[in-house]
Amino acid sequence: MRLVRLLAFIVAILALLAPAAHVLELPNKLRLDGPLWLAVQQSLYAGWGPFIGAPTEIGGLVLSLICFASASTRRARALWIAAAACYGVMLIAFFVFNGPVNAAIASWTAATLPADWPAYRVKWEAGHAIAFVFAAGALMFVMGARNVERQSPTAPAPSSRHQAPPA
């Protein structure tokens, strides 16, 4: 289980990277005009979701549930389920905010950009901002759960296998 908890930690870090990047670039992206924003959306971000977003969010959810099921304390179980809930919210945010915008802009061109394109930009950025908040939460809950389990009296001490047998 230590390996699964370590993997959950690594996935939590990876799940935070893309949303954090979106939030950090937000001030500059809000200055883009419509055609340039559309070009960025259709070229720079093309194909990232299936390789980064979905695997980290779904992976984090599954790993958190596995860790929840095998947690050694009530506190650890609460933290693991909280992490899983964060990943669930991230997935919901994608399907409510980002997915519909991605589908809408897939066929747009600079010439067919609708007058309300800024509303699509706000919706897309809001989805990533929500994902950022919950990815940060998931990482904190995962770190907390791992820490609780390391300190739990029922968890084996990390160095117990290296101790000499009693005399």
Foldseek 3Di string as FASTA:
>chain_A
DVVLLVVLLVLLVLLQVVLVVLVVCVVVLVPDDDQVNLVCLQPVVPPVCVVRNVCSLVVNLVSLVVCLVVQDDPLLNVLSVLLNVLSVVLVVLCVVFVPVLSVVSNPDHPVRQDPVVVVNVVSNSVSSNSSNVSSVSSSVSSVVSVVCLQPDPVHDPPCVVVDDDDD
